PDB file of N, CA and C in Angstrom:
ATOM      1  N   MET A   1      37.647  21.167  -7.696  1.00  0.00           N
ATOM      2  CA  MET A   1      38.616  20.227  -8.247  1.00  0.00           C
ATOM      3  C   MET A   1      39.783  21.003  -8.846  1.00  0.00           C
ATOM      4  N   ASN A   2      40.996  20.559  -8.585  1.00  0.00           N
ATOM      5  CA  ASN A   2      42.178  21.226  -9.106  1.00  0.00           C
ATOM      6  C   ASN A   2      42.373  20.919 -10.582  1.00  0.00           C
ATOM      7  N   ALA A   3      42.981  21.875 -11.270  1.00  0.00           N
ATOM      8  CA  ALA A   3      43.302  21.668 -12.682  1.00  0.00           C
ATOM      9  C   ALA A   3      44.403  20.620 -12.789  1.00  0.00           C
ATOM     10  N   PRO A   4      44.432  19.877 -13.887  1.00  0.00           N
ATOM     11  CA  PRO A   4      45.511  18.906 -14.083  1.00  0.00           C
ATOM     12  C   PRO A   4      46.866  19.605 -14.009  1.00  0.00           C
ATOM     13  N   THR A   5      47.844  18.885 -13.572  1.00  0.00           N
ATOM     14  CA  THR A   5      49.159  19.449 -13.323  1.00  0.00           C
ATOM     15  C   THR A   5      50.193  18.963 -14.330  1.00  0.00           C
ATOM     16  N   ILE A   6      51.095  19.856 -14.693  1.00  0.00           N
ATOM     17  CA  ILE A   6      52.270  19.472 -15.468  1.00  0.00           C
ATOM     18  C   ILE A   6      53.176  18.688 -14.526  1.00  0.00           C
ATOM     19  N   ILE A   7      53.693  17.569 -14.992  1.00  0.00           N
ATOM     20  CA  ILE A   7      54.612  16.764 -14.189  1.00  0.00           C
ATOM     21  C   ILE A   7      55.974  16.784 -14.856  1.00  0.00           C
ATOM     22  N   MET A   8      56.976  17.161 -14.073  1.00  0.00           N
ATOM     23  CA  MET A   8      58.344  17.168 -14.577  1.00  0.00           C
ATOM     24  C   MET A   8      59.166  16.172 -13.784  1.00  0.00           C
ATOM     25  N   TYR A   9      59.696  15.181 -14.490  1.00  0.00           N
ATOM     26  CA  TYR A   9      60.590  14.201 -13.890  1.00  0.00           C
ATOM     27  C   TYR A   9      62.019  14.667 -14.113  1.00  0.00           C
ATOM     28  N   GLY A  10      62.826  14.626 -13.063  1.00  0.00           N
ATOM     29  CA  GLY A  10      64.200  15.079 -13.198  1.00  0.00           C
ATOM     30  C   GLY A  10      65.098  14.500 -12.127  1.00  0.00           C
ATOM     31  N   THR A  11      66.294  15.076 -12.040  1.00  0.00           N
ATOM     32  CA  THR A  11      67.259  14.727 -11.001  1.00  0.00           C
ATOM     33  C   THR A  11      67.878  16.020 -10.487  1.00  0.00           C
ATOM     34  N   ALA A  12      68.420  15.961  -9.277  1.00  0.00           N
ATOM     35  CA  ALA A  12      69.022  17.141  -8.660  1.00  0.00           C
ATOM     36  C   ALA A  12      70.260  17.615  -9.422  1.00  0.00           C
ATOM     37  N   TRP A  13      71.001  16.700 -10.033  1.00  0.00           N
ATOM     38  CA  TRP A  13      72.262  17.050 -10.692  1.00  0.00           C
ATOM     39  C   TRP A  13      72.095  17.514 -12.137  1.00  0.00           C
ATOM     40  N   CYS A  14      70.906  17.436 -12.685  1.00  0.00           N
ATOM     41  CA  CYS A  14      70.658  17.708 -14.104  1.00  0.00           C
ATOM     42  C   CYS A  14      70.521  19.214 -14.372  1.00  0.00           C
ATOM     43  N   SER A  15      71.453  19.775 -15.143  1.00  0.00           N
ATOM     44  CA  SER A  15      71.400  21.209 -15.451  1.00  0.00           C
ATOM     45  C   SER A  15      70.203  21.551 -16.345  1.00  0.00           C
ATOM     46  N   ASP A  16      69.820  20.661 -17.254  1.00  0.00           N
ATOM     47  CA  ASP A  16      68.637  20.907 -18.091  1.00  0.00           C
ATOM     48  C   ASP A  16      67.371  20.943 -17.235  1.00  0.00           C
ATOM     49  N   CYS A  17      67.327  20.112 -16.191  1.00  0.00           N
ATOM     50  CA  CYS A  17      66.182  20.116 -15.280  1.00  0.00           C
ATOM     51  C   CYS A  17      66.096  21.448 -14.545  1.00  0.00           C
ATOM     52  N   ARG A  18      67.224  21.924 -14.055  1.00  0.00           N
ATOM     53  CA  ARG A  18      67.237  23.223 -13.355  1.00  0.00           C
ATOM     54  C   ARG A  18      66.799  24.347 -14.290  1.00  0.00           C
ATOM     55  N   ARG A  19      67.255  24.296 -15.530  1.00  0.00           N
ATOM     56  CA  ARG A  19      66.891  25.326 -16.511  1.00  0.00           C
ATOM     57  C   ARG A  19      65.392  25.313 -16.782  1.00  0.00           C
ATOM     58  N   SER A  20      64.825  24.113 -16.971  1.00  0.00           N
ATOM     59  CA  SER A  20      63.384  24.008 -17.232  1.00  0.00           C
ATOM     60  C   SER A  20      62.580  24.469 -16.020  1.00  0.00           C
ATOM     61  N   ARG A  21      63.042  24.109 -14.826  1.00  0.00           N
ATOM     62  CA  ARG A  21      62.348  24.545 -13.608  1.00  0.00           C
ATOM     63  C   ARG A  21      62.354  26.069 -13.508  1.00  0.00           C
ATOM     64  N   ARG A  22      63.494  26.698 -13.840  1.00  0.00           N
ATOM     65  CA  ARG A  22      63.559  28.174 -13.813  1.00  0.00           C
ATOM     66  C   ARG A  22      62.546  28.779 -14.775  1.00  0.00           C
ATOM     67  N   LEU A  23      62.391  28.180 -15.953  1.00  0.00           N
ATOM     68  CA  LEU A  23      61.430  28.717 -16.921  1.00  0.00           C
ATOM     69  C   LEU A  23      60.010  28.631 -16.371  1.00  0.00           C
ATOM     70  N   PHE A  24      59.649  27.488 -15.774  1.00  0.00           N
ATOM     71  CA  PHE A  24      58.325  27.376 -15.157  1.00  0.00           C
ATOM     72  C   PHE A  24      58.147  28.442 -14.086  1.00  0.00           C
ATOM     73  N   GLU A  25      59.153  28.639 -13.256  1.00  0.00           N
ATOM     74  CA  GLU A  25      59.052  29.598 -12.163  1.00  0.00           C
ATOM     75  C   GLU A  25      58.989  31.028 -12.683  1.00  0.00           C
ATOM     76  N   GLN A  26      59.766  31.351 -13.722  1.00  0.00           N
ATOM     77  CA  GLN A  26      59.723  32.690 -14.312  1.00  0.00           C
ATOM     78  C   GLN A  26      58.341  32.998 -14.869  1.00  0.00           C
ATOM     79  N   ARG A  27      57.705  31.997 -15.436  1.00  0.00           N
ATOM     80  CA  ARG A  27      56.367  32.171 -16.009  1.00  0.00           C
ATOM     81  C   ARG A  27      55.260  31.953 -14.971  1.00  0.00           C
ATOM     82  N   GLN A  28      55.643  31.632 -13.758  1.00  0.00           N
ATOM     83  CA  GLN A  28      54.709  31.367 -12.666  1.00  0.00           C
ATOM     84  C   GLN A  28      53.704  30.278 -13.039  1.00  0.00           C
ATOM     85  N   ILE A  29      54.232  29.195 -13.591  1.00  0.00           N
ATOM     86  CA  ILE A  29      53.417  28.056 -13.999  1.00  0.00           C
ATOM     87  C   ILE A  29      53.577  26.957 -12.956  1.00  0.00           C
ATOM     88  N   ALA A  30      52.455  26.521 -12.421  1.00  0.00           N
ATOM     89  CA  ALA A  30      52.480  25.441 -11.435  1.00  0.00           C
ATOM     90  C   ALA A  30      52.848  24.134 -12.122  1.00  0.00           C
ATOM     91  N   TYR A  31      53.667  23.351 -11.427  1.00  0.00           N
ATOM     92  CA  TYR A  31      54.053  22.045 -11.943  1.00  0.00           C
ATOM     93  C   TYR A  31      54.438  21.174 -10.759  1.00  0.00           C
ATOM     94  N   GLN A  32      54.441  19.877 -10.989  1.00  0.00           N
ATOM     95  CA  GLN A  32      54.883  18.939  -9.961  1.00  0.00           C
ATOM     96  C   GLN A  32      56.236  18.408 -10.387  1.00  0.00           C
ATOM     97  N   TYR A  33      57.225  18.533  -9.514  1.00  0.00           N
ATOM     98  CA  TYR A  33      58.568  18.035  -9.793  1.00  0.00           C
ATOM     99  C   TYR A  33      58.761  16.724  -9.046  1.00  0.00           C
ATOM    100  N   ILE A  34      59.242  15.707  -9.757  1.00  0.00           N
ATOM    101  CA  ILE A  34      59.501  14.407  -9.141  1.00  0.00           C
ATOM    102  C   ILE A  34      60.933  13.996  -9.458  1.00  0.00           C
ATOM    103  N   ASP A  35      61.732  13.783  -8.414  1.00  0.00           N
ATOM    104  CA  ASP A  35      63.116  13.356  -8.556  1.00  0.00           C
ATOM    105  C   ASP A  35      63.127  11.845  -8.773  1.00  0.00           C
ATOM    106  N   ILE A  36      63.557  11.417  -9.945  1.00  0.00           N
ATOM    107  CA  ILE A  36      63.517   9.980 -10.260  1.00  0.00           C
ATOM    108  C   ILE A  36      64.550   9.177  -9.479  1.00  0.00           C
ATOM    109  N   GLU A  37      65.513   9.862  -8.873  1.00  0.00           N
ATOM    110  CA  GLU A  37      66.481   9.142  -8.046  1.00  0.00           C
ATOM    111  C   GLU A  37      65.919   8.837  -6.657  1.00  0.00           C
ATOM    112  N   ALA A  38      64.821   9.488  -6.295  1.00  0.00           N
ATOM    113  CA  ALA A  38      64.194   9.277  -4.990  1.00  0.00           C
ATOM    114  C   ALA A  38      62.880   8.515  -5.094  1.00  0.00           C
ATOM    115  N   ASP A  39      62.444   8.223  -6.320  1.00  0.00           N
ATOM    116  CA  ASP A  39      61.136   7.610  -6.533  1.00  0.00           C
ATOM    117  C   ASP A  39      61.253   6.532  -7.620  1.00  0.00           C
ATOM    118  N   ASP A  40      61.272   5.277  -7.192  1.00  0.00           N
ATOM    119  CA  ASP A  40      61.444   4.169  -8.147  1.00  0.00           C
ATOM    120  C   ASP A  40      60.318   4.093  -9.170  1.00  0.00           C
ATOM    121  N   ALA A  41      59.081   4.353  -8.751  1.00  0.00           N
ATOM    122  CA  ALA A  41      57.951   4.310  -9.682  1.00  0.00           C
ATOM    123  C   ALA A  41      58.097   5.405 -10.739  1.00  0.00           C
ATOM    124  N   ALA A  42      58.561   6.573 -10.331  1.00  0.00           N
ATOM    125  CA  ALA A  42      58.777   7.671 -11.279  1.00  0.00           C
ATOM    126  C   ALA A  42      59.884   7.319 -12.261  1.00  0.00           C
ATOM    127  N   ARG A  43      60.957   6.701 -11.771  1.00  0.00           N
ATOM    128  CA  ARG A  43      62.053   6.288 -12.649  1.00  0.00           C
ATOM    129  C   ARG A  43      61.545   5.301 -13.697  1.00  0.00           C
ATOM    130  N   GLN A  44      60.712   4.355 -13.285  1.00  0.00           N
ATOM    131  CA  GLN A  44      60.146   3.388 -14.222  1.00  0.00           C
ATOM    132  C   GLN A  44      59.245   4.072 -15.244  1.00  0.00           C
ATOM    133  N   ARG A  45      58.496   5.083 -14.817  1.00  0.00           N
ATOM    134  CA  ARG A  45      57.621   5.836 -15.737  1.00  0.00           C
ATOM    135  C   ARG A  45      58.461   6.529 -16.811  1.00  0.00           C
ATOM    136  N   VAL A  46      59.567   7.142 -16.395  1.00  0.00           N
ATOM    137  CA  VAL A  46      60.454   7.827 -17.346  1.00  0.00           C
ATOM    138  C   VAL A  46      61.050   6.825 -18.325  1.00  0.00           C
ATOM    139  N   ILE A  47      61.478   5.680 -17.828  1.00  0.00           N
ATOM    140  CA  ILE A  47      62.032   4.634 -18.701  1.00  0.00           C
ATOM    141  C   ILE A  47      60.979   4.173 -19.705  1.00  0.00           C
ATOM    142  N   GLU A  48      59.748   4.029 -19.260  1.00  0.00           N
ATOM    143  CA  GLU A  48      58.651   3.605 -20.139  1.00  0.00           C
ATOM    144  C   GLU A  48      58.381   4.650 -21.222  1.00  0.00           C
ATOM    145  N   VAL A  49      58.296   5.907 -20.828  1.00  0.00           N
ATOM    146  CA  VAL A  49      58.010   6.986 -21.772  1.00  0.00           C
ATOM    147  C   VAL A  49      59.131   7.138 -22.797  1.00  0.00           C
ATOM    148  N   ASN A  50      60.367   6.879 -22.372  1.00  0.00           N
ATOM    149  CA  ASN A  50      61.536   7.109 -23.219  1.00  0.00           C
ATOM    150  C   ASN A  50      62.145   5.831 -23.793  1.00  0.00           C
ATOM    151  N   GLN A  51      61.318   4.817 -23.993  1.00  0.00           N
ATOM    152  CA  GLN A  51      61.747   3.563 -24.623  1.00  0.00           C
ATOM    153  C   GLN A  51      63.041   3.021 -24.029  1.00  0.00           C
ATOM    154  N   GLY A  52      63.093   2.955 -22.693  1.00  0.00           N
ATOM    155  CA  GLY A  52      64.219   2.342 -22.019  1.00  0.00           C
ATOM    156  C   GLY A  52      65.286   3.297 -21.519  1.00  0.00           C
ATOM    157  N   ASN A  53      65.166   4.556 -21.822  1.00  0.00           N
ATOM    158  CA  ASN A  53      66.160   5.543 -21.385  1.00  0.00           C
ATOM    159  C   ASN A  53      65.659   6.344 -20.188  1.00  0.00           C
ATOM    160  N   GLN A  54      66.585   6.744 -19.332  1.00  0.00           N
ATOM    161  CA  GLN A  54      66.243   7.587 -18.187  1.00  0.00           C
ATOM    162  C   GLN A  54      66.529   9.048 -18.522  1.00  0.00           C
ATOM    163  N   SER A  55      65.946   9.547 -19.589  1.00  0.00           N
ATOM    164  CA  SER A  55      66.199  10.904 -20.058  1.00  0.00           C
ATOM    165  C   SER A  55      65.418  11.908 -19.217  1.00  0.00           C
ATOM    166  N   VAL A  56      66.142  12.919 -18.720  1.00  0.00           N
ATOM    167  CA  VAL A  56      65.512  13.981 -17.947  1.00  0.00           C
ATOM    168  C   VAL A  56      66.031  15.325 -18.421  1.00  0.00           C
ATOM    169  N   PRO A  57      65.209  16.351 -18.353  1.00  0.00           N
ATOM    170  CA  PRO A  57      63.852  16.279 -17.847  1.00  0.00           C
ATOM    171  C   PRO A  57      62.894  15.633 -18.852  1.00  0.00           C
ATOM    172  N   THR A  58      61.968  14.890 -18.305  1.00  0.00           N
ATOM    173  CA  THR A  58      60.814  14.399 -19.052  1.00  0.00           C
ATOM    174  C   THR A  58      59.627  15.145 -18.484  1.00  0.00           C
ATOM    175  N   ILE A  59      58.941  15.889 -19.335  1.00  0.00           N
ATOM    176  CA  ILE A  59      57.833  16.739 -18.893  1.00  0.00           C
ATOM    177  C   ILE A  59      56.556  16.237 -19.547  1.00  0.00           C
ATOM    178  N   ILE A  60      55.572  15.916 -18.717  1.00  0.00           N
ATOM    179  CA  ILE A  60      54.293  15.405 -19.203  1.00  0.00           C
ATOM    180  C   ILE A  60      53.225  16.447 -18.906  1.00  0.00           C
ATOM    181  N   PHE A  61      52.499  16.829 -19.947  1.00  0.00           N
ATOM    182  CA  PHE A  61      51.484  17.865 -19.842  1.00  0.00           C
ATOM    183  C   PHE A  61      50.098  17.252 -19.669  1.00  0.00           C
ATOM    184  N   PRO A  62      49.162  18.022 -19.106  1.00  0.00           N
ATOM    185  CA  PRO A  62      47.809  17.497 -18.876  1.00  0.00           C
ATOM    186  C   PRO A  62      47.125  16.970 -20.132  1.00  0.00           C
ATOM    187  N   ASP A  63      47.507  17.502 -21.319  1.00  0.00           N
ATOM    188  CA  ASP A  63      46.888  17.036 -22.565  1.00  0.00           C
ATOM    189  C   ASP A  63      47.526  15.742 -23.081  1.00  0.00           C
ATOM    190  N   GLY A  64      48.497  15.196 -22.323  1.00  0.00           N
ATOM    191  CA  GLY A  64      49.154  13.954 -22.714  1.00  0.00           C
ATOM    192  C   GLY A  64      50.413  14.148 -23.530  1.00  0.00           C
ATOM    193  N   SER A  65      50.705  15.384 -23.933  1.00  0.00           N
ATOM    194  CA  SER A  65      51.931  15.621 -24.692  1.00  0.00           C
ATOM    195  C   SER A  65      53.137  15.495 -23.770  1.00  0.00           C
ATOM    196  N   VAL A  66      54.274  15.160 -24.376  1.00  0.00           N
ATOM    197  CA  VAL A  66      55.501  14.917 -23.617  1.00  0.00           C
ATOM    198  C   VAL A  66      56.657  15.636 -24.301  1.00  0.00           C
ATOM    199  N   LEU A  67      57.484  16.298 -23.493  1.00  0.00           N
ATOM    200  CA  LEU A  67      58.733  16.863 -23.982  1.00  0.00           C
ATOM    201  C   LEU A  67      59.866  16.217 -23.202  1.00  0.00           C
ATOM    202  N   VAL A  68      60.932  15.863 -23.911  1.00  0.00           N
ATOM    203  CA  VAL A  68      62.095  15.254 -23.281  1.00  0.00           C
ATOM    204  C   VAL A  68      63.309  16.109 -23.617  1.00  0.00           C
ATOM    205  N   GLU A  69      63.990  16.561 -22.571  1.00  0.00           N
ATOM    206  CA  GLU A  69      65.177  17.400 -22.711  1.00  0.00           C
ATOM    207  C   GLU A  69      64.943  18.587 -23.645  1.00  0.00           C
ATOM    208  N   PRO A  70      63.839  19.334 -23.457  1.00  0.00           N
ATOM    209  CA  PRO A  70      63.578  20.449 -24.371  1.00  0.00           C
ATOM    210  C   PRO A  70      64.486  21.648 -24.089  1.00  0.00           C
ATOM    211  N   SER A  71      64.789  22.385 -25.144  1.00  0.00           N
ATOM    212  CA  SER A  71      65.467  23.673 -24.965  1.00  0.00           C
ATOM    213  C   SER A  71      64.435  24.647 -24.397  1.00  0.00           C
ATOM    214  N   ASN A  72      64.892  25.796 -23.911  1.00  0.00           N
ATOM    215  CA  ASN A  72      63.946  26.803 -23.428  1.00  0.00           C
ATOM    216  C   ASN A  72      63.020  27.254 -24.550  1.00  0.00           C
ATOM    217  N   ALA A  73      63.540  27.357 -25.769  1.00  0.00           N
ATOM    218  CA  ALA A  73      62.714  27.798 -26.899  1.00  0.00           C
ATOM    219  C   ALA A  73      61.593  26.793 -27.171  1.00  0.00           C
ATOM    220  N   VAL A  74      61.925  25.505 -27.162  1.00  0.00           N
ATOM    221  CA  VAL A  74      60.920  24.469 -27.424  1.00  0.00           C
ATOM    222  C   VAL A  74      59.905  24.413 -26.284  1.00  0.00           C
ATOM    223  N   LEU A  75      60.383  24.448 -25.041  1.00  0.00           N
ATOM    224  CA  LEU A  75      59.474  24.416 -23.897  1.00  0.00           C
ATOM    225  C   LEU A  75      58.594  25.659 -23.889  1.00  0.00           C
ATOM    226  N   GLY A  76      59.174  26.823 -24.131  1.00  0.00           N
ATOM    227  CA  GLY A  76      58.398  28.057 -24.164  1.00  0.00           C
ATOM    228  C   GLY A  76      57.325  28.030 -25.238  1.00  0.00           C
ATOM    229  N   ALA A  77      57.662  27.552 -26.425  1.00  0.00           N
ATOM    230  CA  ALA A  77      56.686  27.467 -27.515  1.00  0.00           C
ATOM    231  C   ALA A  77      55.564  26.490 -27.158  1.00  0.00           C
ATOM    232  N   HIS A  78      55.919  25.376 -26.531  1.00  0.00           N
ATOM    233  CA  HIS A  78      54.916  24.380 -26.132  1.00  0.00           C
ATOM    234  C   HIS A  78      53.955  24.985 -25.102  1.00  0.00           C
ATOM    235  N   LEU A  79      54.502  25.736 -24.159  1.00  0.00           N
ATOM    236  CA  LEU A  79      53.663  26.402 -23.165  1.00  0.00           C
ATOM    237  C   LEU A  79      52.779  27.452 -23.819  1.00  0.00           C
ATOM    238  N   ASP A  80      53.352  28.244 -24.744  1.00  0.00           N
ATOM    239  CA  ASP A  80      52.573  29.260 -25.443  1.00  0.00           C
ATOM    240  C   ASP A  80      51.409  28.664 -26.219  1.00  0.00           C
ATOM    241  N   GLU A  81      51.659  27.526 -26.881  1.00  0.00           N
ATOM    242  CA  GLU A  81      50.610  26.856 -27.658  1.00  0.00           C
ATOM    243  C   GLU A  81      49.446  26.430 -26.778  1.00  0.00           C
ATOM    244  N   ARG A  82      49.726  26.225 -25.488  1.00  0.00           N
ATOM    245  CA  ARG A  82      48.690  25.773 -24.551  1.00  0.00           C
ATOM    246  C   ARG A  82      48.160  26.927 -23.701  1.00  0.00           C
ATOM    247  N   GLY A  83      48.578  28.135 -24.036  1.00  0.00           N
ATOM    248  CA  GLY A  83      48.090  29.316 -23.312  1.00  0.00           C
ATOM    249  C   GLY A  83      48.606  29.422 -21.886  1.00  0.00           C
ATOM    250  N   LEU A  84      49.790  28.889 -21.670  1.00  0.00           N
ATOM    251  CA  LEU A  84      50.367  28.917 -20.302  1.00  0.00           C
ATOM    252  C   LEU A  84      51.477  29.947 -20.185  1.00  0.00           C
TER     253      LEU A  84
END
C-alpha cells in the first residue's frame, strides 16, 4: 500500500504555486499536483477549504493539516515538523 500523498491544488499561472512545487522538488518530496482550472471537483474542494475563496496554492497533508499560500519558510518548517 502506498503512503498517503501530499496534495497541492494550484494553477499554471500562479507564481506561489511554482515556488512551492520547486521546494517539494528540491527536497525530493512526492506530492500530487492538481490544476483547479482543469478539474471542477478540485476547484470546489479548494473553495470549501478556503471558506469560499479559490486561494492557491492550497496544500493538504496526509495528517489533515492545510497550508494556504505559504511562504517557503512556512512550508519548509511544516515539512520539517513532519520529518519530510
